[in-house]
Amino acid sequence: MEKQFTHIESGRAHMVDVSEKREVSRLARAAGDIILSEETVEKIRTGNVEKGNVFATARVAAILAIKKTPEIIPMCHQIPITAIDVDFGIGKGMISVEVKVRTVGKTGVEMEALTGVSAALLTIWDMVKSAEKDESGNYPNTSIQNIRVLEKIKG
């Protein structure tokens, strides 16, 4: 079934003015999952993916995406990133990614954490797509799910 969308156009966009806010320590944690075949998960677990080390590549992708968040999400402020942690979990037919981002600034880092999770999951998909394709070249069972903010701390 094809989804129906109504086009809505807004003529106004602006960044929120944070100039009067004080700088404080901030942290955001985000997570997400990619659903894969058991065979693909085993290839990742044993390091037998043709394109290379999935976790190392996805970690670098997350870090780069976090640093470039204001370049790809137009209303995000450029903020100093003071720390990034990227962790992976392996479950039955899935890989989980959790990203933690810290800053000392005037605005939060949840968009950076979400962007890092998204980039890591997309990188995992890219690295294993040849193993996930069916005979017609589609991905009937592969999906990215549950991208969410787990925690946001200010102060």
C-alpha atoms as a PDB file:
ATOM      1  CA  MET A   1       0.000   0.000   0.000  1.00  0.00           C
ATOM      2  CA  GLU A   2       1.409   3.367  -1.022  1.00  0.00           C
ATOM      3  CA  LYS A   3       1.312   6.184   1.537  1.00  0.00           C
ATOM      4  CA  GLN A   4      -0.450   9.406   0.665  1.00  0.00           C
ATOM      5  CA  PHE A   5       1.169  12.708   1.645  1.00  0.00           C
ATOM      6  CA  THR A   6      -0.160  16.225   1.624  1.00  0.00           C
ATOM      7  CA  HIS A   7       2.375  18.851   0.552  1.00  0.00           C
ATOM      8  CA  ILE A   8       2.750  21.666   3.063  1.00  0.00           C
ATOM      9  CA  GLU A   9       5.111  24.556   2.429  1.00  0.00           C
ATOM     10  CA  SER A  10       6.245  26.967   5.094  1.00  0.00           C
ATOM     11  CA  GLY A  11       7.820  30.253   4.150  1.00  0.00           C
ATOM     12  CA  ARG A  12       9.636  30.863   7.445  1.00  0.00           C
ATOM     13  CA  ALA A  13      12.710  29.237   8.931  1.00  0.00           C
ATOM     14  CA  HIS A  14      15.183  30.434  11.513  1.00  0.00           C
ATOM     15  CA  MET A  15      17.758  29.204  13.981  1.00  0.00           C
ATOM     16  CA  VAL A  16      16.863  29.616  17.638  1.00  0.00           C
ATOM     17  CA  ASP A  17      18.808  32.460  19.249  1.00  0.00           C
ATOM     18  CA  VAL A  18      20.946  30.960  22.019  1.00  0.00           C
ATOM     19  CA  SER A  19      23.160  34.019  22.572  1.00  0.00           C
ATOM     20  CA  GLU A  20      21.682  34.763  26.023  1.00  0.00           C
ATOM     21  CA  LYS A  21      21.950  31.177  27.270  1.00  0.00           C
ATOM     22  CA  ARG A  22      24.829  30.250  29.535  1.00  0.00           C
ATOM     23  CA  GLU A  23      27.293  27.516  28.653  1.00  0.00           C
ATOM     24  CA  VAL A  24      26.791  24.324  30.630  1.00  0.00           C
ATOM     25  CA  SER A  25      27.894  20.724  30.399  1.00  0.00           C
ATOM     26  CA  ARG A  26      25.524  18.681  28.252  1.00  0.00           C
ATOM     27  CA  LEU A  27      25.232  15.027  27.325  1.00  0.00           C
ATOM     28  CA  ALA A  28      22.949  13.081  25.009  1.00  0.00           C
ATOM     29  CA  ARG A  29      22.689   9.345  24.422  1.00  0.00           C
ATOM     30  CA  ALA A  30      20.897   7.915  21.396  1.00  0.00           C
ATOM     31  CA  ALA A  31      20.448   4.418  20.044  1.00  0.00           C
ATOM     32  CA  GLY A  32      19.064   2.450  17.127  1.00  0.00           C
ATOM     33  CA  ASP A  33      19.014  -1.020  15.602  1.00  0.00           C
ATOM     34  CA  ILE A  34      19.533  -2.650  12.241  1.00  0.00           C
ATOM     35  CA  ILE A  35      17.708  -5.900  11.512  1.00  0.00           C
ATOM     36  CA  LEU A  36      19.829  -8.358   9.517  1.00  0.00           C
ATOM     37  CA  SER A  37      19.830 -12.044   8.679  1.00  0.00           C
ATOM     38  CA  GLU A  38      21.446 -14.371  11.215  1.00  0.00           C
ATOM     39  CA  GLU A  39      24.059 -15.245   8.583  1.00  0.00           C
ATOM     40  CA  THR A  40      25.028 -11.593   8.156  1.00  0.00           C
ATOM     41  CA  VAL A  41      25.207 -11.038  11.907  1.00  0.00           C
ATOM     42  CA  GLU A  42      27.528 -14.042  12.168  1.00  0.00           C
ATOM     43  CA  LYS A  43      29.752 -12.634   9.402  1.00  0.00           C
ATOM     44  CA  ILE A  44      29.993  -9.375  11.336  1.00  0.00           C
ATOM     45  CA  ARG A  45      30.687 -11.215  14.599  1.00  0.00           C
ATOM     46  CA  THR A  46      33.491 -13.285  13.063  1.00  0.00           C
ATOM     47  CA  GLY A  47      34.991 -10.488  10.948  1.00  0.00           C
ATOM     48  CA  ASN A  48      34.135 -12.135   7.618  1.00  0.00           C
ATOM     49  CA  VAL A  49      32.525  -9.196   5.845  1.00  0.00           C
ATOM     50  CA  GLU A  50      34.006  -8.576   2.404  1.00  0.00           C
ATOM     51  CA  LYS A  51      34.243  -4.784   2.817  1.00  0.00           C
ATOM     52  CA  GLY A  52      36.195  -5.027   6.091  1.00  0.00           C
ATOM     53  CA  ASN A  53      35.713  -4.309   9.779  1.00  0.00           C
ATOM     54  CA  VAL A  54      32.074  -3.269  10.122  1.00  0.00           C
ATOM     55  CA  PHE A  55      32.287  -1.882  13.646  1.00  0.00           C
ATOM     56  CA  ALA A  56      35.472   0.139  13.080  1.00  0.00           C
ATOM     57  CA  THR A  57      34.052   1.677   9.905  1.00  0.00           C
ATOM     58  CA  ALA A  58      30.648   2.408  11.463  1.00  0.00           C
ATOM     59  CA  ARG A  59      32.360   4.002  14.496  1.00  0.00           C
ATOM     60  CA  VAL A  60      34.351   6.361  12.259  1.00  0.00           C
ATOM     61  CA  ALA A  61      31.201   7.183  10.257  1.00  0.00           C
ATOM     62  CA  ALA A  62      29.337   8.049  13.475  1.00  0.00           C
ATOM     63  CA  ILE A  63      32.135  10.329  14.667  1.00  0.00           C
ATOM     64  CA  LEU A  64      32.356  12.133  11.315  1.00  0.00           C
ATOM     65  CA  ALA A  65      28.572  12.542  11.159  1.00  0.00           C
ATOM     66  CA  ILE A  66      28.449  13.964  14.676  1.00  0.00           C
ATOM     67  CA  LYS A  67      31.087  16.534  13.794  1.00  0.00           C
ATOM     68  CA  LYS A  68      29.219  17.499  10.603  1.00  0.00           C
ATOM     69  CA  THR A  69      25.672  17.582  12.009  1.00  0.00           C
ATOM     70  CA  PRO A  70      25.217  21.352  11.462  1.00  0.00           C
ATOM     71  CA  GLU A  71      26.173  20.863   7.810  1.00  0.00           C
ATOM     72  CA  ILE A  72      23.395  18.340   7.174  1.00  0.00           C
ATOM     73  CA  ILE A  73      20.660  19.493   9.580  1.00  0.00           C
ATOM     74  CA  PRO A  74      20.164  23.152   8.632  1.00  0.00           C
ATOM     75  CA  MET A  75      18.934  24.627  11.929  1.00  0.00           C
ATOM     76  CA  CYS A  76      21.517  22.954  14.180  1.00  0.00           C
ATOM     77  CA  HIS A  77      24.085  25.216  15.797  1.00  0.00           C
ATOM     78  CA  GLN A  78      27.790  24.559  15.487  1.00  0.00           C
ATOM     79  CA  ILE A  79      28.861  23.474  18.944  1.00  0.00           C
ATOM     80  CA  PRO A  80      32.111  22.225  20.430  1.00  0.00           C
ATOM     81  CA  ILE A  81      32.006  18.455  20.783  1.00  0.00           C
ATOM     82  CA  THR A  82      34.059  17.445  23.816  1.00  0.00           C
ATOM     83  CA  ALA A  83      33.592  13.658  23.774  1.00  0.00           C
ATOM     84  CA  ILE A  84      32.049  10.895  21.659  1.00  0.00           C
ATOM     85  CA  ASP A  85      31.492   7.229  22.557  1.00  0.00           C
ATOM     86  CA  VAL A  86      30.115   4.712  20.048  1.00  0.00           C
ATOM     87  CA  ASP A  87      29.182   1.211  21.237  1.00  0.00           C
ATOM     88  CA  PHE A  88      27.693  -1.798  19.466  1.00  0.00           C
ATOM     89  CA  GLY A  89      25.657  -4.753  20.630  1.00  0.00           C
ATOM     90  CA  ILE A  90      24.934  -7.989  18.811  1.00  0.00           C
ATOM     91  CA  GLY A  91      21.559  -9.631  19.266  1.00  0.00           C
ATOM     92  CA  LYS A  92      19.548 -12.295  17.495  1.00  0.00           C
ATOM     93  CA  GLY A  93      19.252 -11.006  13.928  1.00  0.00           C
ATOM     94  CA  MET A  94      20.231  -7.455  14.817  1.00  0.00           C
ATOM     95  CA  ILE A  95      23.009  -5.049  15.624  1.00  0.00           C
ATOM     96  CA  SER A  96      22.400  -2.199  18.075  1.00  0.00           C
ATOM     97  CA  VAL A  97      24.279   1.074  18.139  1.00  0.00           C
ATOM     98  CA  GLU A  98      24.488   3.476  21.065  1.00  0.00           C
ATOM     99  CA  VAL A  99      26.139   6.880  20.805  1.00  0.00           C
ATOM    100  CA  LYS A 100      27.003   9.251  23.643  1.00  0.00           C
ATOM    101  CA  VAL A 101      27.969  12.857  22.866  1.00  0.00           C
ATOM    102  CA  ARG A 102      29.189  15.524  25.297  1.00  0.00           C
ATOM    103  CA  THR A 103      29.649  19.266  24.977  1.00  0.00           C
ATOM    104  CA  VAL A 104      29.988  22.394  27.052  1.00  0.00           C
ATOM    105  CA  GLY A 105      27.750  24.841  25.292  1.00  0.00           C
ATOM    106  CA  LYS A 106      24.517  26.779  24.962  1.00  0.00           C
ATOM    107  CA  THR A 107      22.466  24.073  23.271  1.00  0.00           C
ATOM    108  CA  GLY A 108      22.044  20.314  23.523  1.00  0.00           C
ATOM    109  CA  VAL A 109      23.692  17.523  21.573  1.00  0.00           C
ATOM    110  CA  GLU A 110      20.756  15.185  20.950  1.00  0.00           C
ATOM    111  CA  MET A 111      20.710  15.910  17.218  1.00  0.00           C
ATOM    112  CA  GLU A 112      24.406  15.077  17.025  1.00  0.00           C
ATOM    113  CA  ALA A 113      23.824  11.800  18.888  1.00  0.00           C
ATOM    114  CA  LEU A 114      20.888  10.886  16.614  1.00  0.00           C
ATOM    115  CA  THR A 115      22.930  11.762  13.522  1.00  0.00           C
ATOM    116  CA  GLY A 116      25.796   9.584  14.764  1.00  0.00           C
ATOM    117  CA  VAL A 117      23.477   6.621  15.326  1.00  0.00           C
ATOM    118  CA  SER A 118      21.910   7.072  11.889  1.00  0.00           C
ATOM    119  CA  ALA A 119      25.280   7.246  10.127  1.00  0.00           C
ATOM    120  CA  ALA A 120      26.576   4.176  11.966  1.00  0.00           C
ATOM    121  CA  LEU A 121      23.469   2.150  11.051  1.00  0.00           C
ATOM    122  CA  LEU A 122      23.581   3.265   7.412  1.00  0.00           C
ATOM    123  CA  THR A 123      27.267   2.357   7.255  1.00  0.00           C
ATOM    124  CA  ILE A 124      26.552  -1.110   8.615  1.00  0.00           C
ATOM    125  CA  TRP A 125      23.874  -1.558   5.941  1.00  0.00           C
ATOM    126  CA  ASP A 126      26.270  -0.398   3.231  1.00  0.00           C
ATOM    127  CA  MET A 127      28.991  -2.778   4.373  1.00  0.00           C
ATOM    128  CA  VAL A 128      26.734  -5.857   4.376  1.00  0.00           C
ATOM    129  CA  LYS A 129      24.278  -5.055   1.608  1.00  0.00           C
ATOM    130  CA  SER A 130      25.661  -7.712  -0.742  1.00  0.00           C
ATOM    131  CA  ALA A 131      24.902 -10.362   1.896  1.00  0.00           C
ATOM    132  CA  GLU A 132      21.421  -8.974   2.576  1.00  0.00           C
ATOM    133  CA  LYS A 133      20.126  -8.722  -1.018  1.00  0.00           C
ATOM    134  CA  ASP A 134      17.642 -11.222  -2.351  1.00  0.00           C
ATOM    135  CA  GLU A 135      17.693 -12.635  -5.923  1.00  0.00           C
ATOM    136  CA  SER A 136      16.046  -9.491  -7.315  1.00  0.00           C
ATOM    137  CA  GLY A 137      18.477  -7.127  -5.575  1.00  0.00           C
ATOM    138  CA  ASN A 138      16.054  -5.959  -2.891  1.00  0.00           C
ATOM    139  CA  TYR A 139      16.305  -6.034   0.907  1.00  0.00           C
ATOM    140  CA  PRO A 140      13.090  -7.697   2.071  1.00  0.00           C
ATOM    141  CA  ASN A 141      14.202  -8.320   5.658  1.00  0.00           C
ATOM    142  CA  THR A 142      16.750  -5.575   6.318  1.00  0.00           C
ATOM    143  CA  SER A 143      15.570  -2.509   8.214  1.00  0.00           C
ATOM    144  CA  ILE A 144      16.746   0.267  10.474  1.00  0.00           C
ATOM    145  CA  GLN A 145      14.529   0.701  13.518  1.00  0.00           C
ATOM    146  CA  ASN A 146      14.050   2.408  16.853  1.00  0.00           C
ATOM    147  CA  ILE A 147      16.332   5.407  16.426  1.00  0.00           C
ATOM    148  CA  ARG A 148      15.698   7.364  19.592  1.00  0.00           C
ATOM    149  CA  VAL A 149      17.127   9.590  22.306  1.00  0.00           C
ATOM    150  CA  LEU A 150      17.785   7.533  25.434  1.00  0.00           C
ATOM    151  CA  GLU A 151      18.922  10.344  27.688  1.00  0.00           C
ATOM    152  CA  LYS A 152      19.583  14.066  27.669  1.00  0.00           C
ATOM    153  CA  ILE A 153      21.383  15.725  30.581  1.00  0.00           C
ATOM    154  CA  LYS A 154      21.988  19.432  31.097  1.00  0.00           C
ATOM    155  CA  GLY A 155      24.161  20.893  33.839  1.00  0.00           C
END
